[in-house]
PDB file of all heavy atoms in Angstrom:
ATOM      1  N   ALA A   1     112.587  94.482  98.394  1.00  0.00           N
ATOM      2  CA  ALA A   1     112.861  95.801  97.823  1.00  0.00           C
ATOM      3  C   ALA A   1     112.199  95.996  96.473  1.00  0.00           C
ATOM      4  O   ALA A   1     112.055  97.125  95.997  1.00  0.00           O
ATOM      5  CB  ALA A   1     114.365  96.013  97.710  1.00  0.00           C
ATOM      6  N   GLU A   2     111.810  94.920  95.833  1.00  0.00           N
ATOM      7  CA  GLU A   2     111.255  94.983  94.475  1.00  0.00           C
ATOM      8  C   GLU A   2     110.104  93.998  94.378  1.00  0.00           C
ATOM      9  O   GLU A   2     110.163  92.897  94.932  1.00  0.00           O
ATOM     10  CB  GLU A   2     112.349  94.641  93.449  1.00  0.00           C
ATOM     11  CG  GLU A   2     111.907  94.755  92.006  1.00  0.00           C
ATOM     12  CD  GLU A   2     113.025  94.398  91.038  1.00  0.00           C
ATOM     13  OE1 GLU A   2     113.781  93.448  91.322  1.00  0.00           O
ATOM     14  OE2 GLU A   2     113.131  95.065  89.991  1.00  0.00           O
ATOM     15  N   SER A   3     109.056  94.377  93.680  1.00  0.00           N
ATOM     16  CA  SER A   3     107.919  93.484  93.535  1.00  0.00           C
ATOM     17  C   SER A   3     108.297  92.269  92.710  1.00  0.00           C
ATOM     18  O   SER A   3     109.211  92.301  91.865  1.00  0.00           O
ATOM     19  CB  SER A   3     106.742  94.206  92.861  1.00  0.00           C
ATOM     20  OG  SER A   3     106.982  94.356  91.476  1.00  0.00           O
ATOM     21  N   GLY A   4     107.580  91.189  92.948  1.00  0.00           N
ATOM     22  CA  GLY A   4     107.798  89.989  92.155  1.00  0.00           C
ATOM     23  C   GLY A   4     107.467  90.198  90.700  1.00  0.00           C
ATOM     24  O   GLY A   4     108.088  89.598  89.807  1.00  0.00           O
ATOM     25  N   LEU A   5     106.492  91.060  90.428  1.00  0.00           N
ATOM     26  CA  LEU A   5     106.096  91.317  89.041  1.00  0.00           C
ATOM     27  C   LEU A   5     107.226  91.970  88.249  1.00  0.00           C
ATOM     28  O   LEU A   5     107.442  91.659  87.085  1.00  0.00           O
ATOM     29  CB  LEU A   5     104.851  92.187  89.002  1.00  0.00           C
ATOM     30  CG  LEU A   5     103.602  91.573  89.622  1.00  0.00           C
ATOM     31  CD1 LEU A   5     102.417  92.496  89.461  1.00  0.00           C
ATOM     32  CD2 LEU A   5     103.299  90.211  89.002  1.00  0.00           C
ATOM     33  N   ALA A   6     107.953  92.893  88.894  1.00  0.00           N
ATOM     34  CA  ALA A   6     109.081  93.526  88.212  1.00  0.00           C
ATOM     35  C   ALA A   6     110.134  92.476  87.877  1.00  0.00           C
ATOM     36  O   ALA A   6     110.694  92.457  86.777  1.00  0.00           O
ATOM     37  CB  ALA A   6     109.683  94.611  89.108  1.00  0.00           C
ATOM     38  N   ARG A   7     110.372  91.570  88.821  1.00  0.00           N
ATOM     39  CA  ARG A   7     111.341  90.500  88.566  1.00  0.00           C
ATOM     40  C   ARG A   7     110.831  89.561  87.468  1.00  0.00           C
ATOM     41  O   ARG A   7     111.619  89.058  86.648  1.00  0.00           O
ATOM     42  CB  ARG A   7     111.599  89.710  89.842  1.00  0.00           C
ATOM     43  CG  ARG A   7     112.327  90.488  90.922  1.00  0.00           C
ATOM     44  CD  ARG A   7     112.686  89.608  92.118  1.00  0.00           C
ATOM     45  NE  ARG A   7     111.519  89.156  92.860  1.00  0.00           N
ATOM     46  CZ  ARG A   7     111.088  87.898  92.867  1.00  0.00           C
ATOM     47  NH1 ARG A   7     111.715  86.963  92.178  1.00  0.00           N
ATOM     48  NH2 ARG A   7     110.016  87.554  93.580  1.00  0.00           N
ATOM     49  N   LEU A   8     109.527  89.345  87.453  1.00  0.00           N
ATOM     50  CA  LEU A   8     108.948  88.430  86.477  1.00  0.00           C
ATOM     51  C   LEU A   8     109.096  88.966  85.048  1.00  0.00           C
ATOM     52  O   LEU A   8     109.515  88.242  84.132  1.00  0.00           O
ATOM     53  CB  LEU A   8     107.471  88.190  86.796  1.00  0.00           C
ATOM     54  CG  LEU A   8     106.696  87.263  85.858  1.00  0.00           C
ATOM     55  CD1 LEU A   8     107.287  85.873  85.887  1.00  0.00           C
ATOM     56  CD2 LEU A   8     105.227  87.227  86.241  1.00  0.00           C
ATOM     57  N   VAL A   9     108.748  90.218  84.837  1.00  0.00           N
ATOM     58  CA  VAL A   9     108.860  90.803  83.509  1.00  0.00           C
ATOM     59  C   VAL A   9     110.321  90.856  83.077  1.00  0.00           C
ATOM     60  O   VAL A   9     110.648  90.586  81.925  1.00  0.00           O
ATOM     61  CB  VAL A   9     108.211  92.199  83.465  1.00  0.00           C
ATOM     62  CG1 VAL A   9     108.398  92.835  82.080  1.00  0.00           C
ATOM     63  CG2 VAL A   9     106.712  92.114  83.791  1.00  0.00           C
ATOM     64  N   ARG A  10     111.193  91.207  83.999  1.00  0.00           N
ATOM     65  CA  ARG A  10     112.621  91.242  83.675  1.00  0.00           C
ATOM     66  C   ARG A  10     113.130  89.854  83.308  1.00  0.00           C
ATOM     67  O   ARG A  10     113.924  89.683  82.376  1.00  0.00           O
ATOM     68  CB  ARG A  10     113.408  91.819  84.851  1.00  0.00           C
ATOM     69  CG  ARG A  10     114.857  92.152  84.525  1.00  0.00           C
ATOM     70  CD  ARG A  10     115.546  92.864  85.666  1.00  0.00           C
ATOM     71  NE  ARG A  10     114.913  94.141  85.957  1.00  0.00           N
ATOM     72  CZ  ARG A  10     114.235  94.401  87.069  1.00  0.00           C
ATOM     73  NH1 ARG A  10     114.111  93.479  88.002  1.00  0.00           N
ATOM     74  NH2 ARG A  10     113.714  95.585  87.256  1.00  0.00           N
ATOM     75  N   ALA A  11     112.672  88.845  84.034  1.00  0.00           N
ATOM     76  CA  ALA A  11     113.074  87.473  83.733  1.00  0.00           C
ATOM     77  C   ALA A  11     112.581  87.038  82.350  1.00  0.00           C
ATOM     78  O   ALA A  11     113.271  86.321  81.636  1.00  0.00           O
ATOM     79  CB  ALA A  11     112.535  86.514  84.800  1.00  0.00           C
ATOM     80  N   THR A  12     111.389  87.497  81.975  1.00  0.00           N
ATOM     81  CA  THR A  12     110.860  87.201  80.650  1.00  0.00           C
ATOM     82  C   THR A  12     111.731  87.828  79.566  1.00  0.00           C
ATOM     83  O   THR A  12     112.040  87.211  78.532  1.00  0.00           O
ATOM     84  CB  THR A  12     109.417  87.701  80.505  1.00  0.00           C
ATOM     85  OG1 THR A  12     108.610  87.119  81.532  1.00  0.00           O
ATOM     86  CG2 THR A  12     108.836  87.353  79.152  1.00  0.00           C
ATOM     87  N   TYR A  13     112.143  89.063  79.809  1.00  0.00           N
ATOM     88  CA  TYR A  13     113.025  89.760  78.878  1.00  0.00           C
ATOM     89  C   TYR A  13     114.325  88.977  78.698  1.00  0.00           C
ATOM     90  O   TYR A  13     114.806  88.752  77.574  1.00  0.00           O
ATOM     91  CB  TYR A  13     113.342  91.150  79.434  1.00  0.00           C
ATOM     92  CG  TYR A  13     112.972  92.285  78.506  1.00  0.00           C
ATOM     93  CD1 TYR A  13     111.702  92.355  77.930  1.00  0.00           C
ATOM     94  CD2 TYR A  13     113.875  93.301  78.214  1.00  0.00           C
ATOM     95  CE1 TYR A  13     111.354  93.391  77.106  1.00  0.00           C
ATOM     96  CE2 TYR A  13     113.531  94.342  77.381  1.00  0.00           C
ATOM     97  CZ  TYR A  13     112.270  94.380  76.829  1.00  0.00           C
ATOM     98  OH  TYR A  13     111.931  95.398  75.990  1.00  0.00           O
ATOM     99  N   GLU A  14     114.927  88.560  79.821  1.00  0.00           N
ATOM    100  CA  GLU A  14     116.190  87.814  79.773  1.00  0.00           C
ATOM    101  C   GLU A  14     115.998  86.477  79.088  1.00  0.00           C
ATOM    102  O   GLU A  14     116.864  86.007  78.336  1.00  0.00           O
ATOM    103  CB  GLU A  14     116.737  87.629  81.187  1.00  0.00           C
ATOM    104  CG  GLU A  14     117.164  88.928  81.862  1.00  0.00           C
ATOM    105  CD  GLU A  14     117.509  88.739  83.321  1.00  0.00           C
ATOM    106  OE1 GLU A  14     117.402  87.581  83.810  1.00  0.00           O
ATOM    107  OE2 GLU A  14     117.894  89.716  83.978  1.00  0.00           O
ATOM    108  N   LEU A  15     114.873  85.827  79.348  1.00  0.00           N
ATOM    109  CA  LEU A  15     114.565  84.540  78.747  1.00  0.00           C
ATOM    110  C   LEU A  15     114.615  84.619  77.224  1.00  0.00           C
ATOM    111  O   LEU A  15     115.112  83.721  76.543  1.00  0.00           O
ATOM    112  CB  LEU A  15     113.184  84.072  79.201  1.00  0.00           C
ATOM    113  CG  LEU A  15     112.673  82.749  78.656  1.00  0.00           C
ATOM    114  CD1 LEU A  15     113.403  81.580  79.309  1.00  0.00           C
ATOM    115  CD2 LEU A  15     111.167  82.629  78.902  1.00  0.00           C
ATOM    116  N   LEU A  16     114.102  85.701  76.670  1.00  0.00           N
ATOM    117  CA  LEU A  16     114.018  85.877  75.221  1.00  0.00           C
ATOM    118  C   LEU A  16     115.241  86.562  74.637  1.00  0.00           C
ATOM    119  O   LEU A  16     115.289  86.841  73.440  1.00  0.00           O
ATOM    120  CB  LEU A  16     112.752  86.680  74.874  1.00  0.00           C
ATOM    121  CG  LEU A  16     111.435  85.957  75.153  1.00  0.00           C
ATOM    122  CD1 LEU A  16     110.262  86.912  75.032  1.00  0.00           C
ATOM    123  CD2 LEU A  16     111.267  84.780  74.194  1.00  0.00           C
ATOM    124  N   GLY A  17     116.250  86.843  75.487  1.00  0.00           N
ATOM    125  CA  GLY A  17     117.468  87.466  74.993  1.00  0.00           C
ATOM    126  C   GLY A  17     117.252  88.888  74.498  1.00  0.00           C
ATOM    127  O   GLY A  17     117.842  89.308  73.489  1.00  0.00           O
ATOM    128  N   LEU A  18     116.418  89.646  75.216  1.00  0.00           N
ATOM    129  CA  LEU A  18     116.069  90.994  74.784  1.00  0.00           C
ATOM    130  C   LEU A  18     116.837  92.040  75.583  1.00  0.00           C
ATOM    131  O   LEU A  18     117.318  91.789  76.679  1.00  0.00           O
ATOM    132  CB  LEU A  18     114.565  91.227  74.970  1.00  0.00           C
ATOM    133  CG  LEU A  18     113.649  90.250  74.245  1.00  0.00           C
ATOM    134  CD1 LEU A  18     112.202  90.517  74.609  1.00  0.00           C
ATOM    135  CD2 LEU A  18     113.841  90.341  72.734  1.00  0.00           C
ATOM    136  N   GLN A  19     116.945  93.223  75.001  1.00  0.00           N
ATOM    137  CA  GLN A  19     117.486  94.363  75.715  1.00  0.00           C
ATOM    138  C   GLN A  19     116.788  95.617  75.208  1.00  0.00           C
ATOM    139  O   GLN A  19     116.007  95.574  74.257  1.00  0.00           O
ATOM    140  CB  GLN A  19     119.000  94.485  75.553  1.00  0.00           C
ATOM    141  CG  GLN A  19     119.472  94.853  74.165  1.00  0.00           C
ATOM    142  CD  GLN A  19     121.000  94.865  74.070  1.00  0.00           C
ATOM    143  OE1 GLN A  19     121.678  93.935  74.513  1.00  0.00           O
ATOM    144  NE2 GLN A  19     121.542  95.899  73.448  1.00  0.00           N
ATOM    145  N   THR A  20     117.069  96.744  75.856  1.00  0.00           N
ATOM    146  CA  THR A  20     116.363  97.993  75.593  1.00  0.00           C
ATOM    147  C   THR A  20     117.342  99.080  75.159  1.00  0.00           C
ATOM    148  O   THR A  20     118.465  99.143  75.641  1.00  0.00           O
ATOM    149  CB  THR A  20     115.632  98.455  76.860  1.00  0.00           C
ATOM    150  OG1 THR A  20     114.673  97.442  77.227  1.00  0.00           O
ATOM    151  CG2 THR A  20     114.891  99.766  76.645  1.00  0.00           C
ATOM    152  N   TYR A  21     116.909  99.921  74.243  1.00  0.00           N
ATOM    153  CA  TYR A  21     117.595 101.183  73.995  1.00  0.00           C
ATOM    154  C   TYR A  21     116.540 102.291  74.009  1.00  0.00           C
ATOM    155  O   TYR A  21     115.326 102.032  74.041  1.00  0.00           O
ATOM    156  CB  TYR A  21     118.393 101.170  72.687  1.00  0.00           C
ATOM    157  CG  TYR A  21     117.568 101.389  71.428  1.00  0.00           C
ATOM    158  CD1 TYR A  21     117.361 102.683  70.935  1.00  0.00           C
ATOM    159  CD2 TYR A  21     117.012 100.338  70.726  1.00  0.00           C
ATOM    160  CE1 TYR A  21     116.618 102.898  69.781  1.00  0.00           C
ATOM    161  CE2 TYR A  21     116.260 100.539  69.579  1.00  0.00           C
ATOM    162  CZ  TYR A  21     116.066 101.822  69.119  1.00  0.00           C
ATOM    163  OH  TYR A  21     115.313 102.041  67.986  1.00  0.00           O
ATOM    164  N   TYR A  22     117.002 103.565  73.991  1.00  0.00           N
ATOM    165  CA  TYR A  22     116.083 104.678  74.207  1.00  0.00           C
ATOM    166  C   TYR A  22     116.229 105.749  73.112  1.00  0.00           C
ATOM    167  O   TYR A  22     117.307 105.950  72.553  1.00  0.00           O
ATOM    168  CB  TYR A  22     116.356 105.336  75.576  1.00  0.00           C
ATOM    169  CG  TYR A  22     116.403 104.359  76.707  1.00  0.00           C
ATOM    170  CD1 TYR A  22     117.584 103.793  77.128  1.00  0.00           C
ATOM    171  CD2 TYR A  22     115.218 103.959  77.341  1.00  0.00           C
ATOM    172  CE1 TYR A  22     117.635 102.870  78.162  1.00  0.00           C
ATOM    173  CE2 TYR A  22     115.254 103.032  78.370  1.00  0.00           C
ATOM    174  CZ  TYR A  22     116.463 102.485  78.771  1.00  0.00           C
ATOM    175  OH  TYR A  22     116.503 101.574  79.785  1.00  0.00           O
ATOM    176  N   THR A  23     115.102 106.397  72.851  1.00  0.00           N
ATOM    177  CA  THR A  23     115.109 107.667  72.131  1.00  0.00           C
ATOM    178  C   THR A  23     114.466 108.703  73.043  1.00  0.00           C
ATOM    179  O   THR A  23     113.584 108.366  73.857  1.00  0.00           O
ATOM    180  CB  THR A  23     114.314 107.568  70.792  1.00  0.00           C
ATOM    181  OG1 THR A  23     112.992 107.106  71.059  1.00  0.00           O
ATOM    182  CG2 THR A  23     115.002 106.621  69.825  1.00  0.00           C
ATOM    183  N   ALA A  24     114.918 109.932  72.936  1.00  0.00           N
ATOM    184  CA  ALA A  24     114.425 110.968  73.848  1.00  0.00           C
ATOM    185  C   ALA A  24     114.316 112.296  73.129  1.00  0.00           C
ATOM    186  O   ALA A  24     115.230 112.709  72.406  1.00  0.00           O
ATOM    187  CB  ALA A  24     115.365 111.104  75.051  1.00  0.00           C
ATOM    188  N   GLY A  25     113.173 112.959  73.331  1.00  0.00           N
ATOM    189  CA  GLY A  25     112.942 114.268  72.723  1.00  0.00           C
ATOM    190  C   GLY A  25     111.757 114.933  73.392  1.00  0.00           C
ATOM    191  O   GLY A  25     111.169 114.393  74.340  1.00  0.00           O
ATOM    192  N   PRO A  26     111.367 116.108  72.930  1.00  0.00           N
ATOM    193  CA  PRO A  26     110.276 116.851  73.566  1.00  0.00           C
ATOM    194  C   PRO A  26     108.927 116.156  73.492  1.00  0.00           C
ATOM    195  O   PRO A  26     108.067 116.358  74.348  1.00  0.00           O
ATOM    196  CB  PRO A  26     110.246 118.183  72.808  1.00  0.00           C
ATOM    197  CG  PRO A  26     110.972 117.916  71.521  1.00  0.00           C
ATOM    198  CD  PRO A  26     111.975 116.869  71.805  1.00  0.00           C
ATOM    199  N   LYS A  27     108.681 115.323  72.490  1.00  0.00           N
ATOM    200  CA  LYS A  27     107.408 114.633  72.359  1.00  0.00           C
ATOM    201  C   LYS A  27     107.312 113.397  73.243  1.00  0.00           C
ATOM    202  O   LYS A  27     106.270 113.141  73.855  1.00  0.00           O
ATOM    203  CB  LYS A  27     107.151 114.256  70.895  1.00  0.00           C
ATOM    204  CG  LYS A  27     106.881 115.427  69.981  1.00  0.00           C
ATOM    205  CD  LYS A  27     106.519 114.936  68.591  1.00  0.00           C
ATOM    206  CE  LYS A  27     106.183 116.126  67.674  1.00  0.00           C
ATOM    207  NZ  LYS A  27     105.809 115.679  66.304  1.00  0.00           N
ATOM    208  N   GLU A  28     108.397 112.626  73.292  1.00  0.00           N
ATOM    209  CA  GLU A  28     108.347 111.398  74.093  1.00  0.00           C
ATOM    210  C   GLU A  28     109.745 110.904  74.411  1.00  0.00           C
ATOM    211  O   GLU A  28     110.708 111.147  73.667  1.00  0.00           O
ATOM    212  CB  GLU A  28     107.571 110.300  73.378  1.00  0.00           C
ATOM    213  CG  GLU A  28     108.246 109.786  72.113  1.00  0.00           C
ATOM    214  CD  GLU A  28     107.468 108.679  71.411  1.00  0.00           C
ATOM    215  OE1 GLU A  28     106.223 108.681  71.476  1.00  0.00           O
ATOM    216  OE2 GLU A  28     108.124 107.816  70.791  1.00  0.00           O
ATOM    217  N   ILE A  29     109.831 110.223  75.532  1.00  0.00           N
ATOM    218  CA  ILE A  29     110.994 109.408  75.894  1.00  0.00           C
ATOM    219  C   ILE A  29     110.519 107.988  75.801  1.00  0.00           C
ATOM    220  O   ILE A  29     109.526 107.605  76.448  1.00  0.00           O
ATOM    221  CB  ILE A  29     111.489 109.736  77.303  1.00  0.00           C
ATOM    222  CG1 ILE A  29     111.982 111.175  77.379  1.00  0.00           C
ATOM    223  CG2 ILE A  29     112.612 108.772  77.720  1.00  0.00           C
ATOM    224  CD1 ILE A  29     112.208 111.681  78.796  1.00  0.00           C
TER     225      ILE A  29
END
């Protein structure tokens, strides 16, 4: 259901203890 590359990048994020937050407006999300 998901490419290995998506899992790979996500695993790298988890490995480094990272997470994401967002900003959103008319110029960019």
